[in-house]
Amino acid sequence: MEILKNYINGEWKDSRETACRDVVNPATQEVLARVPAGGKTPLDVDDAVSAAKKAFAGWAQVPVMQRVQPLYKLKQLLEEHLEDLADTITRECGKTRAESLGELQRAIENVEAACAAPLLMQSEFSENISRGVDEFMIRQPLGVCACISPFNFPGMIPFWFLPYAIACGNTFVLKPSEKVPLTMQKVYGLIGQIGLPEGVVSLVHGGKETVDALLDHPDVKAVSFVGSTHIAKYVYARGAANGKRVQAQGGAKNPVVVLPDADLEVSARVIADSVYGCAGQRCLAASTVISVGDQKGAIKEALYETARKRSTGYGLLSEVEMGPVITRESRSRVEELIEKGVSEGANVLLDGRNPRIDGYENGNFIRPTILENVPLSGEIIRTEIFGPVMTLLSMKTVDEALQFINGNRYGNMACIFTTSGANARKFRSEANAGNIGVNIGVAAPMAQFPFSGWNESFFGDLHGQGRHAIEFFTQTKIVIERWPKEWARKF
């Protein structure tokens, strides 16, 4: 069985760690590879950061127009290897092949956006702020930057950070999730072909020991993280305590409001895609669906029928619309949360627990599930389930829905489905969330916009993607200069 290697100083190197964990296909339980994870991985981190620090001195001096040239090559290679990378994502992560292809397209868009760094890094100049005195601002790179990425988007989320970091003149160390390390292993194989100097990018495997080593290493200047809120708080606090810049994306409990004037058929299909896409394992998955004024239950019926018909199985099969959750522990956790909702008084309108998937009986599958009449005072309404579970609420007015939404401790996304411009405008203005969708089920920003998040869905100041990424990976320097005429040489 292959034991995955680290990528350090332009070479694939064995980890110093001998203890490993299995990388498992969540649909078949096939062991795909073994990944180092244990107490010696901090030594690997030190090797990677040392190489990155050494490379930074030269890379920072490369003109930005030249720094982005390898990214054009990377875009081409990602497109050429799109099919193979999508298959790898599906095998190790469980999502459908269509979802994997969509994820990779977003990764490629971020590479394209980072190629605009020569323009985005331009700064400001003011002549004669005082007689004969000029003032201007320039942007310079930070140094060694690190990323700790999650399991649910192994091909996309590292690209919220990597291309921007190196385009701005930094060096970069990635720690992929130990659950899904194969995708970035292949991507780094492509990165090795684009002509970057040795040490500019590194990949180090491992678990918590590796994370802590990155957070504590004095030569790591910035850390990017995406994961649960509990871990995001930990990463933010420990990284900031060590004087680092940190952007830490946390969890979510995303609400969707459906008004009676919405197109029910289209809305139900879009909402179901949001709730059950990637088996609900994404930070922009719709979770709580609030029907407003649905006295006849038309919205509930449309959502039920759409969810009931959704096919579940191995994501490499073309007819499958939803794959498994990532691990057996995740499946048990989701099923326990469903039971918790029932014990609090919820009704299981559609029960996806303990399904039988022919040919894949050992997979971590849960079919689409719907809970209704979930008590607002209970735990389940506040908990991120991170699985294919929709909770249905009914409210009388938009104001009542907004009051509920704005009492949410999270703030990643909130969506509304309506044909009323007035209600849509009110919602986008008053809903406390960083990403707002109007007749959109997954309000995922394009690469040129920041992936915003509010409240306990984000810790930090500057988000991933777009101009925020440029600002995060650079530090500003103000220059005030005067050249008195009497100092000038006379000709």
Protein backbone atom coordinates (compact mmCIF):
# COMPACT_ATOMS: atom_id res chain seq x y z
CA MET A 1 0.00 0.00 0.00
CA GLU A 2 1.38 3.40 -1.04
CA ILE A 3 2.52 5.65 1.79
CA LEU A 4 2.12 9.25 0.69
CA LYS A 5 5.14 11.51 0.59
CA ASN A 6 5.63 15.16 1.42
CA TYR A 7 6.61 17.69 -1.24
CA ILE A 8 9.47 19.81 0.12
CA ASN A 9 12.03 21.94 -1.70
CA GLY A 10 10.82 20.77 -5.08
CA GLU A 11 11.14 17.05 -4.27
CA TRP A 12 8.96 14.21 -3.00
CA LYS A 13 10.33 13.09 0.35
CA ASP A 14 9.41 10.39 2.83
CA SER A 15 7.96 11.63 6.08
CA ARG A 16 9.98 11.15 9.23
CA GLU A 17 6.77 9.73 10.70
CA THR A 18 6.28 5.97 10.52
CA ALA A 19 2.77 5.90 12.02
CA CYS A 20 0.10 6.17 9.30
CA ARG A 21 -3.64 6.19 8.87
CA ASP A 22 -5.69 4.73 6.03
CA VAL A 23 -7.22 6.88 3.31
CA VAL A 24 -10.59 5.19 2.74
CA ASN A 25 -13.10 5.39 -0.10
CA PRO A 26 -16.31 6.32 1.81
CA ALA A 27 -18.54 4.49 -0.69
CA THR A 28 -16.67 1.19 -0.86
CA GLN A 29 -14.41 1.18 2.23
CA GLU A 30 -11.47 0.41 -0.08
CA VAL A 31 -8.17 1.60 1.38
CA LEU A 32 -6.72 3.93 -1.27
CA ALA A 33 -3.41 4.82 0.38
CA ARG A 34 -1.79 5.47 3.73
CA VAL A 35 -0.90 8.94 5.00
CA PRO A 36 1.65 9.85 7.69
CA ALA A 37 0.02 11.11 10.87
CA GLY A 38 1.72 11.23 14.21
CA GLY A 39 4.13 12.84 16.61
CA LYS A 40 7.08 13.22 14.24
CA THR A 41 5.29 15.24 11.55
CA PRO A 42 6.35 18.57 13.17
CA LEU A 43 9.86 17.67 11.99
CA ASP A 44 8.48 17.56 8.45
CA VAL A 45 6.90 20.97 9.03
CA ASP A 46 10.24 22.41 10.09
CA ASP A 47 11.87 21.02 6.92
CA ALA A 48 9.15 22.56 4.73
CA VAL A 49 9.13 25.94 6.47
CA SER A 50 12.93 26.13 6.40
CA ALA A 51 12.91 25.49 2.65
CA ALA A 52 10.11 28.02 2.18
CA LYS A 53 11.93 30.67 4.20
CA LYS A 54 15.08 30.19 2.14
CA ALA A 55 13.11 30.38 -1.13
CA PHE A 56 11.23 33.51 -0.02
CA ALA A 57 14.31 35.74 -0.22
CA GLY A 58 14.59 35.19 -3.95
CA TRP A 59 10.92 34.72 -4.85
CA ALA A 60 9.87 38.03 -3.27
CA GLN A 61 12.23 39.85 -5.63
CA VAL A 62 10.82 38.28 -8.78
CA PRO A 63 8.67 40.86 -10.62
CA VAL A 64 4.98 40.16 -10.13
CA MET A 65 4.41 39.86 -13.87
CA GLN A 66 6.88 36.99 -13.88
CA ARG A 67 5.49 35.42 -10.69
CA VAL A 68 2.10 34.83 -12.31
CA GLN A 69 3.50 33.11 -15.41
CA PRO A 70 3.65 29.66 -13.72
CA LEU A 71 -0.02 30.09 -12.79
CA TYR A 72 -0.98 30.25 -16.46
CA LYS A 73 0.81 26.92 -16.91
CA LEU A 74 -0.94 25.50 -13.84
CA LYS A 75 -4.35 26.48 -15.23
CA GLN A 76 -3.61 24.60 -18.42
CA LEU A 77 -2.41 21.50 -16.56
CA LEU A 78 -5.45 21.48 -14.29
CA GLU A 79 -7.71 21.60 -17.35
CA GLU A 80 -5.77 18.81 -19.06
CA HIS A 81 -6.01 16.56 -15.98
CA LEU A 82 -9.55 17.55 -15.02
CA GLU A 83 -11.09 14.10 -15.49
CA ASP A 84 -8.46 12.25 -13.47
CA LEU A 85 -8.56 14.79 -10.65
CA ALA A 86 -12.37 14.61 -10.52
CA ASP A 87 -12.24 10.83 -10.23
CA THR A 88 -9.73 11.14 -7.39
CA ILE A 89 -11.95 13.60 -5.51
CA THR A 90 -14.94 11.29 -5.85
CA ARG A 91 -13.01 8.23 -4.72
CA GLU A 92 -11.54 9.79 -1.59
CA CYS A 93 -14.27 12.33 -0.71
CA GLY A 94 -17.47 10.59 -1.84
CA LYS A 95 -19.19 13.36 -3.80
CA THR A 96 -20.59 12.76 -7.26
CA ARG A 97 -18.40 13.15 -10.29
CA ALA A 98 -20.40 16.17 -11.45
CA GLU A 99 -19.81 17.82 -8.08
CA SER A 100 -16.10 17.03 -8.31
CA LEU A 101 -15.89 18.61 -11.76
CA GLY A 102 -17.70 21.70 -10.49
CA GLU A 103 -15.30 21.95 -7.55
CA LEU A 104 -12.30 21.85 -9.85
CA GLN A 105 -13.77 24.52 -12.08
CA ARG A 106 -13.91 26.83 -9.06
CA ALA A 107 -10.28 25.99 -8.31
CA ILE A 108 -9.27 26.92 -11.86
CA GLU A 109 -11.22 30.20 -11.62
CA ASN A 110 -9.15 31.14 -8.57
CA VAL A 111 -5.93 30.48 -10.46
CA GLU A 112 -7.24 32.79 -13.20
CA ALA A 113 -8.19 35.48 -10.66
CA ALA A 114 -4.75 35.33 -9.04
CA CYS A 115 -3.19 36.01 -12.45
CA ALA A 116 -4.58 39.53 -12.06
CA ALA A 117 -2.13 40.19 -9.21
CA PRO A 118 -0.06 42.66 -11.30
CA LEU A 119 -3.14 44.90 -11.39
CA LEU A 120 -4.55 44.09 -7.94
CA MET A 121 -1.23 44.83 -6.21
CA GLN A 122 -1.02 48.32 -7.64
CA SER A 123 -1.20 50.93 -4.93
CA GLU A 124 -1.71 54.66 -4.39
CA PHE A 125 0.41 57.76 -5.00
CA SER A 126 -0.20 61.33 -3.87
CA GLU A 127 2.05 64.07 -5.20
CA ASN A 128 2.73 67.22 -3.16
CA ILE A 129 1.04 66.25 0.10
CA SER A 130 3.14 69.17 1.26
CA ARG A 131 5.23 71.40 -0.96
CA GLY A 132 7.85 69.19 -2.58
CA VAL A 133 6.79 66.09 -0.59
CA ASP A 134 5.21 62.98 -2.13
CA GLU A 135 3.58 60.04 -0.36
CA PHE A 136 2.76 56.59 -1.69
CA MET A 137 1.89 53.08 -0.58
CA ILE A 138 3.40 49.85 -1.82
CA ARG A 139 2.48 46.22 -1.15
CA GLN A 140 5.09 43.67 -0.16
CA PRO A 141 4.78 39.93 0.61
CA LEU A 142 4.69 38.56 4.16
CA GLY A 143 6.97 35.53 3.95
CA VAL A 144 6.05 31.89 4.60
CA CYS A 145 2.27 31.32 4.55
CA ALA A 146 0.44 28.11 5.50
CA CYS A 147 -2.94 26.58 4.72
CA ILE A 148 -4.83 23.92 6.69
CA SER A 149 -7.55 22.63 4.38
CA PRO A 150 -10.66 20.50 5.10
CA PHE A 151 -11.91 17.20 3.70
CA ASN A 152 -15.05 18.38 1.93
CA PHE A 153 -13.44 20.27 -0.97
CA PRO A 154 -9.96 18.78 -1.38
CA GLY A 155 -9.47 20.26 -4.86
CA MET A 156 -10.98 23.73 -4.46
CA ILE A 157 -10.30 25.22 -1.05
CA PRO A 158 -6.47 25.16 -1.25
CA PHE A 159 -6.88 27.34 -4.33
CA TRP A 160 -8.69 30.03 -2.33
CA PHE A 161 -5.20 30.72 -0.99
CA LEU A 162 -2.28 29.10 -2.84
CA PRO A 163 -2.30 31.04 -6.16
CA TYR A 164 -2.83 34.40 -4.47
CA ALA A 165 -0.09 33.77 -1.90
CA ILE A 166 2.60 32.94 -4.44
CA ALA A 167 1.46 35.60 -6.93
CA CYS A 168 1.99 38.16 -4.15
CA GLY A 169 5.54 36.93 -3.61
CA ASN A 170 5.07 34.64 -0.61
CA THR A 171 6.05 31.01 -0.22
CA PHE A 172 3.37 28.48 0.73
CA VAL A 173 3.03 25.32 2.84
CA LEU A 174 -0.16 23.24 2.53
CA LYS A 175 -1.42 20.66 5.00
CA PRO A 176 -4.31 18.83 3.33
CA SER A 177 -6.88 16.92 5.36
CA GLU A 178 -5.53 13.52 6.30
CA LYS A 179 -8.90 12.09 5.24
CA VAL A 180 -8.49 13.23 1.62
CA PRO A 181 -4.81 13.79 0.80
CA LEU A 182 -4.73 12.21 -2.66
CA THR A 183 -6.18 15.09 -4.69
CA MET A 184 -3.55 17.62 -3.68
CA GLN A 185 -0.89 14.93 -3.98
CA LYS A 186 -1.77 14.80 -7.68
CA VAL A 187 -2.08 18.59 -7.94
CA TYR A 188 1.40 19.04 -6.49
CA GLY A 189 2.64 16.61 -9.09
CA LEU A 190 1.36 19.12 -11.66
CA ILE A 191 2.76 22.08 -9.74
CA GLY A 192 6.17 20.44 -10.00
CA GLN A 193 5.94 20.94 -13.77
CA ILE A 194 5.21 24.69 -13.92
CA GLY A 195 8.68 26.04 -13.21
CA LEU A 196 8.42 27.39 -9.67
CA PRO A 197 11.74 27.72 -7.82
CA GLU A 198 12.47 25.03 -5.24
CA GLY A 199 10.83 25.71 -1.88
CA VAL A 200 8.17 28.15 -3.09
CA VAL A 201 5.40 25.60 -2.49
CA SER A 202 5.43 22.63 -0.12
CA LEU A 203 3.00 19.94 1.00
CA VAL A 204 3.19 18.30 4.42
CA HIS A 205 0.89 15.52 5.61
CA GLY A 206 -0.28 14.90 9.15
CA GLY A 207 -2.91 15.54 11.78
CA LYS A 208 -3.19 17.81 14.81
CA GLU A 209 0.55 17.69 15.51
CA THR A 210 1.19 19.14 12.05
CA VAL A 211 -1.42 21.84 12.55
CA ASP A 212 0.08 22.88 15.88
CA ALA A 213 3.57 22.92 14.40
CA LEU A 214 2.42 25.34 11.68
CA LEU A 215 0.60 27.53 14.21
CA ASP A 216 3.63 27.67 16.48
CA HIS A 217 6.46 27.93 13.96
CA PRO A 218 8.08 31.38 14.26
CA ASP A 219 8.81 31.59 10.53
CA VAL A 220 5.18 31.08 9.45
CA LYS A 221 3.71 34.55 9.04
CA ALA A 222 0.12 33.79 8.02
CA VAL A 223 -2.30 30.87 8.31
CA SER A 224 -5.46 30.14 6.31
CA PHE A 225 -7.97 27.60 7.63
CA VAL A 226 -11.36 26.18 6.68
CA GLY A 227 -13.25 23.75 8.92
CA SER A 228 -15.62 23.57 11.86
CA THR A 229 -16.24 26.56 14.10
CA HIS A 230 -14.74 24.80 17.11
CA ILE A 231 -11.43 24.21 15.31
CA ALA A 232 -11.55 27.61 13.57
CA LYS A 233 -11.63 29.29 16.98
CA TYR A 234 -8.69 27.18 18.10
CA VAL A 235 -6.64 27.95 14.99
CA TYR A 236 -7.45 31.65 15.18
CA ALA A 237 -6.62 31.95 18.88
CA ARG A 238 -3.40 29.94 18.78
CA GLY A 239 -2.17 31.52 15.54
CA ALA A 240 -2.96 35.06 16.69
CA ALA A 241 -1.31 34.42 20.05
CA ASN A 242 1.84 33.59 18.09
CA GLY A 243 1.65 36.88 16.21
CA LYS A 244 0.39 35.48 12.90
CA ARG A 245 -2.20 36.74 10.49
CA VAL A 246 -5.07 34.26 10.52
CA GLN A 247 -8.19 33.80 8.40
CA ALA A 248 -10.30 30.96 9.80
CA GLN A 249 -13.54 29.91 8.11
CA GLY A 250 -15.88 28.08 10.47
CA GLY A 251 -19.14 26.18 10.31
CA ALA A 252 -22.66 27.21 9.39
CA LYS A 253 -26.37 26.61 9.83
CA ASN A 254 -27.64 28.21 6.64
CA PRO A 255 -31.29 29.32 6.46
CA VAL A 256 -33.43 29.54 3.33
CA VAL A 257 -36.71 31.47 3.24
CA VAL A 258 -39.39 30.54 0.70
CA LEU A 259 -42.27 32.97 0.08
CA PRO A 260 -45.63 31.94 -1.39
CA ASP A 261 -44.95 33.85 -4.62
CA ALA A 262 -41.84 31.79 -5.44
CA ASP A 263 -41.83 29.31 -8.32
CA LEU A 264 -42.28 26.17 -6.22
CA GLU A 265 -41.02 23.62 -8.74
CA VAL A 266 -37.81 25.51 -9.51
CA SER A 267 -37.28 26.58 -5.90
CA ALA A 268 -37.72 23.04 -4.58
CA ARG A 269 -35.17 21.66 -7.04
CA VAL A 270 -32.62 24.39 -6.30
CA ILE A 271 -33.07 24.09 -2.52
CA ALA A 272 -32.75 20.29 -2.65
CA ASP A 273 -29.50 20.68 -4.59
CA SER A 274 -28.27 23.03 -1.86
CA VAL A 275 -29.28 20.80 1.06
CA TYR A 276 -28.21 17.47 -0.41
CA GLY A 277 -25.34 18.43 -2.70
CA CYS A 278 -22.06 16.89 -1.48
CA ALA A 279 -24.26 14.95 0.98
CA GLY A 280 -24.75 18.19 2.91
CA GLN A 281 -21.04 18.37 3.72
CA ARG A 282 -20.33 21.95 2.69
CA CYS A 283 -20.32 25.21 4.57
CA LEU A 284 -22.82 26.71 2.10
CA ALA A 285 -25.33 23.87 2.29
CA ALA A 286 -28.87 25.02 3.03
CA SER A 287 -29.94 23.52 6.33
CA THR A 288 -33.07 25.19 7.71
CA VAL A 289 -35.84 25.88 5.20
CA ILE A 290 -38.40 28.43 6.39
CA SER A 291 -41.71 28.54 4.55
CA VAL A 292 -43.57 31.82 4.99
CA GLY A 293 -47.36 31.83 4.68
CA ASP A 294 -47.48 28.25 3.37
CA GLN A 295 -50.95 27.55 4.76
CA LYS A 296 -51.72 24.70 2.36
CA GLY A 297 -48.33 23.02 2.69
CA ALA A 298 -47.43 23.40 -0.98
CA ILE A 299 -43.81 24.27 -0.28
CA LYS A 300 -43.40 21.31 2.06
CA GLU A 301 -44.91 18.92 -0.49
CA ALA A 302 -42.68 20.17 -3.29
CA LEU A 303 -39.55 19.79 -1.17
CA TYR A 304 -40.59 16.33 0.01
CA GLU A 305 -41.17 15.04 -3.53
CA THR A 306 -37.88 16.45 -4.79
CA ALA A 307 -35.88 14.98 -1.89
CA ARG A 308 -37.63 11.59 -2.08
CA LYS A 309 -36.64 11.10 -5.71
CA ARG A 310 -32.97 11.94 -5.25
CA SER A 311 -30.77 8.94 -6.09
CA THR A 312 -28.04 7.96 -3.63
CA GLY A 313 -25.01 5.80 -4.37
CA TYR A 314 -21.42 5.65 -5.56
CA GLY A 315 -20.51 9.03 -7.00
CA LEU A 316 -18.68 7.61 -10.04
CA LEU A 317 -21.97 6.21 -11.38
CA SER A 318 -23.62 8.65 -13.80
CA GLU A 319 -27.17 8.22 -12.45
CA VAL A 320 -26.19 9.01 -8.83
CA GLU A 321 -27.13 12.44 -7.45
CA MET A 322 -25.75 12.11 -3.92
CA GLY A 323 -22.83 10.17 -2.47
CA PRO A 324 -21.92 9.04 1.07
CA VAL A 325 -20.70 11.07 4.01
CA ILE A 326 -16.98 10.97 4.61
CA THR A 327 -16.56 8.41 7.44
CA ARG A 328 -18.51 5.88 9.48
CA GLU A 329 -18.11 8.20 12.44
CA SER A 330 -19.73 11.00 10.43
CA ARG A 331 -22.63 8.75 9.49
CA SER A 332 -23.15 7.78 13.14
CA ARG A 333 -22.98 11.41 14.21
CA VAL A 334 -25.59 12.50 11.66
CA GLU A 335 -27.92 9.64 12.59
CA GLU A 336 -27.54 10.50 16.27
CA LEU A 337 -28.44 14.12 15.53
CA ILE A 338 -31.55 13.01 13.65
CA GLU A 339 -32.56 10.94 16.69
CA LYS A 340 -31.79 13.95 18.89
CA GLY A 341 -34.23 16.01 16.82
CA VAL A 342 -36.89 13.34 17.25
CA SER A 343 -36.35 13.26 21.01
CA GLU A 344 -36.83 17.04 21.07
CA GLY A 345 -40.20 16.71 19.34
CA ALA A 346 -39.43 16.87 15.62
CA ASN A 347 -41.28 14.69 13.13
CA VAL A 348 -39.30 12.69 10.55
CA LEU A 349 -41.06 13.54 7.31
CA LEU A 350 -38.47 11.66 5.23
CA ASP A 351 -36.09 9.20 6.89
CA GLY A 352 -32.79 8.43 5.18
CA ARG A 353 -31.18 6.41 7.93
CA ASN A 354 -29.85 2.88 7.40
CA PRO A 355 -30.33 2.70 3.64
CA ARG A 356 -29.38 -0.32 1.57
CA ILE A 357 -27.35 0.64 -1.49
CA ASP A 358 -27.01 -2.41 -3.72
CA GLY A 359 -23.38 -3.28 -4.27
CA TYR A 360 -22.19 -0.74 -1.71
CA GLU A 361 -23.67 -2.05 1.51
CA ASN A 362 -20.60 -1.04 3.53
CA GLY A 363 -20.61 2.58 2.38
CA ASN A 364 -21.25 5.55 4.65
CA PHE A 365 -24.61 6.34 3.12
CA ILE A 366 -27.55 8.32 4.43
CA ARG A 367 -30.41 9.11 2.08
CA PRO A 368 -32.05 12.56 2.02
CA THR A 369 -33.80 13.25 5.31
CA ILE A 370 -36.37 15.89 6.29
CA LEU A 371 -37.29 16.88 9.85
CA GLU A 372 -40.34 19.09 10.45
CA ASN A 373 -41.80 20.83 13.50
CA VAL A 374 -38.32 21.22 14.94
CA PRO A 375 -38.63 23.14 18.24
CA LEU A 376 -36.91 26.53 18.20
CA SER A 377 -35.78 26.01 21.78
CA GLY A 378 -34.04 22.71 21.06
CA GLU A 379 -30.43 21.85 20.28
CA ILE A 380 -30.87 20.45 16.78
CA ILE A 381 -32.06 23.78 15.35
CA ARG A 382 -28.74 25.37 16.41
CA THR A 383 -26.37 22.51 15.53
CA GLU A 384 -24.49 22.18 12.25
CA ILE A 385 -25.44 18.66 11.15
CA PHE A 386 -23.07 18.54 8.14
CA GLY A 387 -25.06 15.81 6.49
CA PRO A 388 -28.05 15.37 4.13
CA VAL A 389 -30.69 16.62 6.57
CA MET A 390 -33.23 19.38 5.95
CA THR A 391 -35.13 20.95 8.83
CA LEU A 392 -38.48 22.53 7.94
CA LEU A 393 -39.94 25.51 9.79
CA SER A 394 -43.10 27.49 9.13
CA MET A 395 -43.43 31.20 9.91
CA LYS A 396 -46.01 33.86 9.22
CA THR A 397 -43.96 36.83 7.99
CA VAL A 398 -40.61 37.79 6.52
CA ASP A 399 -39.91 39.82 9.66
CA GLU A 400 -40.42 36.74 11.82
CA ALA A 401 -38.04 34.78 9.59
CA LEU A 402 -35.42 37.53 9.74
CA GLN A 403 -35.67 37.67 13.52
CA PHE A 404 -34.99 33.94 13.67
CA ILE A 405 -32.10 34.15 11.17
CA ASN A 406 -30.44 37.04 12.96
CA GLY A 407 -30.52 35.10 16.22
CA ASN A 408 -28.31 32.45 14.61
CA ARG A 409 -24.76 32.28 16.01
CA TYR A 410 -23.49 31.51 12.51
CA GLY A 411 -23.54 33.82 9.52
CA ASN A 412 -22.16 32.13 6.43
CA MET A 413 -25.16 32.27 4.09
CA ALA A 414 -28.85 33.16 4.00
CA CYS A 415 -31.13 32.82 0.96
CA ILE A 416 -34.61 33.87 -0.06
CA PHE A 417 -36.86 32.61 -2.85
CA THR A 418 -39.42 35.12 -4.08
CA THR A 419 -40.61 37.16 -7.05
CA SER A 420 -41.02 40.25 -4.86
CA GLY A 421 -38.24 42.77 -5.37
CA ALA A 422 -39.24 44.60 -2.20
CA ASN A 423 -38.96 41.46 -0.04
CA ALA A 424 -35.70 40.46 -1.70
CA ARG A 425 -34.22 43.90 -1.08
CA LYS A 426 -35.35 43.89 2.55
CA PHE A 427 -33.86 40.44 3.04
CA ARG A 428 -30.48 41.19 1.50
CA SER A 429 -30.23 44.37 3.57
CA GLU A 430 -31.29 42.97 6.94
CA ALA A 431 -30.15 39.32 7.00
CA ASN A 432 -27.00 38.88 9.12
CA ALA A 433 -24.92 36.69 6.85
CA GLY A 434 -21.86 37.28 4.72
CA ASN A 435 -23.17 35.56 1.56
CA ILE A 436 -26.75 36.31 0.46
CA GLY A 437 -28.68 34.40 -2.18
CA VAL A 438 -31.79 35.67 -3.95
CA ASN A 439 -33.42 32.77 -5.80
CA ILE A 440 -30.02 31.05 -5.42
CA GLY A 441 -29.53 27.92 -3.32
CA VAL A 442 -25.75 28.08 -2.90
CA ALA A 443 -24.53 31.69 -2.74
CA ALA A 444 -20.91 30.78 -3.49
CA PRO A 445 -18.95 33.86 -4.55
CA MET A 446 -17.01 33.76 -7.79
CA ALA A 447 -13.22 33.90 -7.53
CA GLN A 448 -13.06 37.68 -7.99
CA PHE A 449 -15.20 38.21 -4.85
CA PRO A 450 -14.25 37.30 -1.27
CA PHE A 451 -15.83 34.24 0.34
CA SER A 452 -17.49 36.22 3.08
CA GLY A 453 -18.64 34.94 6.43
CA TRP A 454 -20.01 36.60 9.55
CA ASN A 455 -20.41 35.86 13.25
CA GLU A 456 -19.05 32.44 14.25
CA SER A 457 -18.69 31.37 10.64
CA PHE A 458 -15.48 33.36 10.29
CA PHE A 459 -12.63 34.54 12.50
CA GLY A 460 -10.34 37.21 11.12
CA ASP A 461 -10.63 40.31 8.98
CA LEU A 462 -9.84 39.36 5.38
CA HIS A 463 -11.47 36.42 3.62
CA GLY A 464 -10.26 34.06 0.92
CA GLN A 465 -10.47 34.83 -2.81
CA GLY A 466 -10.39 38.05 -4.81
CA ARG A 467 -9.03 41.34 -3.55
CA HIS A 468 -9.30 40.19 0.06
CA ALA A 469 -6.75 37.48 -0.73
CA ILE A 470 -4.34 40.04 -2.19
CA GLU A 471 -4.70 42.19 0.92
CA PHE A 472 -4.28 39.22 3.25
CA PHE A 473 -1.09 38.02 1.58
CA THR A 474 0.57 41.44 1.43
CA GLN A 475 1.57 44.08 3.93
CA THR A 476 1.45 47.76 3.12
CA LYS A 477 4.38 50.11 3.37
CA ILE A 478 3.96 53.89 3.30
CA VAL A 479 6.78 55.94 1.81
CA ILE A 480 7.01 59.72 2.32
CA GLU A 481 9.82 61.35 0.40
CA ARG A 482 11.22 64.75 -0.34
CA TRP A 483 13.94 65.73 -2.80
CA PRO A 484 15.00 69.34 -2.10
CA LYS A 485 16.14 71.17 -5.20
CA GLU A 486 19.39 72.20 -3.50
CA TRP A 487 20.34 68.52 -3.23
CA ALA A 488 20.04 67.92 -6.93
CA ARG A 489 23.12 67.76 -9.08
CA LYS A 490 23.60 70.80 -11.27
CA PHE A 491 24.25 70.31 -14.93
